[in-house]
Amino acid sequence: MNTREQIILNEDRLLTAIQHGNIEDLDLLLHEDLLFNLPNGVTITKAMDMETYTSGNLVVNSILPAEQQINLINDIAVVSVKIELKAVYTSQSIEGIFRYLRVWKLFSQEWKVIAGSCVSI
């Protein structure tokens, strides 16, 4: 399997883990030093992101990706993807189309997200 195929599979695995709140997969796919910028400008860490899922505060009803672009630079992959999201976070409805940018890096045969951001479009 080539690198692009590995990234596509990991992106699918990540979105599935997000939708189903799969803590084990999220823990494996997100790097310990992850930084992620939310649409409101707040920067969160892996620990903060994991708390969102372990607390049960986030329920994702649907997450539909489109327009995925992948740039490969040595052991780094930069992914841009448009996502149609329907979710509920602490009883607040989230519904819209967002552009995600994720940076994956290869660590000992394992791809992990080291950075990301999300903007409403």
Protein backbone atom coordinates (compact mmCIF):
# COMPACT_ATOMS: atom_id res chain seq x y z
CA MET A 1 0.00 0.00 0.00
CA ASN A 2 1.40 3.38 -0.94
CA THR A 3 1.54 6.43 1.34
CA ARG A 4 -1.49 8.15 -0.22
CA GLU A 5 -3.60 5.01 0.34
CA GLN A 6 -2.39 4.82 3.96
CA ILE A 7 -3.45 8.43 4.57
CA ILE A 8 -6.87 7.86 2.96
CA LEU A 9 -7.41 4.82 5.20
CA ASN A 10 -6.29 6.74 8.30
CA GLU A 11 -8.57 9.67 7.44
CA ASP A 12 -11.50 7.24 7.10
CA ARG A 13 -10.53 5.56 10.37
CA LEU A 14 -10.33 8.96 12.11
CA LEU A 15 -13.75 10.12 10.87
CA THR A 16 -15.30 6.78 11.87
CA ALA A 17 -13.70 7.07 15.32
CA ILE A 18 -15.05 10.62 15.69
CA GLN A 19 -18.57 9.61 14.64
CA HIS A 20 -18.70 6.60 16.94
CA GLY A 21 -16.68 8.06 19.83
CA ASN A 22 -14.08 5.29 19.50
CA ILE A 23 -11.64 6.40 22.22
CA GLU A 24 -9.06 3.68 21.46
CA ASP A 25 -8.72 4.63 17.78
CA LEU A 26 -8.68 8.34 18.57
CA ASP A 27 -5.91 7.77 21.11
CA LEU A 28 -3.86 5.85 18.52
CA LEU A 29 -4.39 8.34 15.69
CA LEU A 30 -3.80 11.61 17.59
CA HIS A 31 -0.25 12.51 18.62
CA GLU A 32 0.34 13.38 22.28
CA ASP A 33 1.52 16.89 21.32
CA LEU A 34 -1.39 17.62 18.96
CA LEU A 35 -2.53 21.22 18.58
CA PHE A 36 -5.88 21.87 16.90
CA ASN A 37 -7.54 25.22 16.15
CA LEU A 38 -11.32 25.22 16.47
CA PRO A 39 -13.59 27.42 14.30
CA ASN A 40 -13.92 29.91 17.20
CA GLY A 41 -10.15 30.41 17.35
CA VAL A 42 -9.55 28.34 20.49
CA THR A 43 -6.53 26.03 20.35
CA ILE A 44 -6.98 22.64 22.00
CA THR A 45 -4.61 19.79 22.86
CA LYS A 46 -5.06 16.05 22.48
CA ALA A 47 -6.06 15.79 26.15
CA MET A 48 -8.75 18.43 25.69
CA ASP A 49 -10.02 16.76 22.52
CA MET A 50 -10.10 13.32 24.17
CA GLU A 51 -12.08 14.77 27.10
CA THR A 52 -14.76 15.86 24.63
CA TYR A 53 -15.27 12.24 23.62
CA THR A 54 -14.77 10.51 27.00
CA SER A 55 -17.23 12.89 28.70
CA GLY A 56 -19.96 12.06 26.20
CA ASN A 57 -20.52 15.79 25.61
CA LEU A 58 -20.22 15.35 21.84
CA VAL A 59 -22.64 13.25 19.81
CA VAL A 60 -21.91 13.14 16.07
CA ASN A 61 -24.96 12.25 14.00
CA SER A 62 -23.29 12.48 10.60
CA ILE A 63 -19.92 13.39 9.18
CA LEU A 64 -19.69 13.45 5.38
CA PRO A 65 -16.30 14.19 3.74
CA ALA A 66 -15.82 15.65 0.25
CA GLU A 67 -13.12 17.38 -1.80
CA GLN A 68 -10.22 15.67 -0.05
CA GLN A 69 -6.77 16.90 -1.08
CA ILE A 70 -3.55 15.25 0.11
CA ASN A 71 -0.05 16.70 -0.20
CA LEU A 72 2.83 14.37 0.70
CA ILE A 73 6.09 15.90 1.92
CA ASN A 74 8.59 13.22 3.02
CA ASP A 75 7.14 11.69 6.23
CA ILE A 76 4.37 14.30 6.49
CA ALA A 77 0.95 14.40 4.86
CA VAL A 78 -1.17 17.54 4.74
CA VAL A 79 -4.88 16.84 4.23
CA SER A 80 -7.57 19.36 3.37
CA VAL A 81 -11.12 18.07 3.41
CA LYS A 82 -14.59 19.60 3.34
CA ILE A 83 -16.91 18.04 5.93
CA GLU A 84 -20.66 18.30 6.29
CA LEU A 85 -21.19 17.86 10.03
CA LYS A 86 -24.30 17.28 12.11
CA ALA A 87 -23.62 16.95 15.83
CA VAL A 88 -24.69 17.99 19.31
CA TYR A 89 -22.16 19.38 21.79
CA THR A 90 -23.43 19.91 25.35
CA SER A 91 -27.01 20.22 24.05
CA GLN A 92 -25.94 22.79 21.40
CA SER A 93 -26.68 21.78 17.82
CA ILE A 94 -23.77 21.97 15.38
CA GLU A 95 -24.75 21.78 11.74
CA GLY A 96 -22.76 23.07 8.83
CA ILE A 97 -19.99 22.67 6.33
CA PHE A 98 -16.43 22.99 7.55
CA ARG A 99 -12.98 22.89 5.96
CA TYR A 100 -10.52 20.80 7.98
CA LEU A 101 -6.77 20.90 7.58
CA ARG A 102 -4.89 18.03 9.23
CA VAL A 103 -1.17 17.35 9.36
CA TRP A 104 -0.17 13.69 9.66
CA LYS A 105 3.39 12.57 10.48
CA LEU A 106 4.88 9.09 10.32
CA PHE A 107 6.28 7.76 13.62
CA SER A 108 7.74 4.21 13.52
CA GLN A 109 5.31 2.93 10.87
CA GLU A 110 2.32 4.71 12.52
CA TRP A 111 0.67 7.82 11.06
CA LYS A 112 -0.49 10.32 13.70
CA VAL A 113 -2.22 13.70 13.49
CA ILE A 114 0.16 16.33 14.87
CA ALA A 115 -1.81 19.48 13.97
CA GLY A 116 -5.10 20.61 12.55
CA SER A 117 -7.65 23.33 12.18
CA CYS A 118 -11.25 23.76 11.21
CA VAL A 119 -13.12 26.73 9.70
CA SER A 120 -16.76 27.15 8.84
CA ILE A 121 -17.44 27.63 5.12
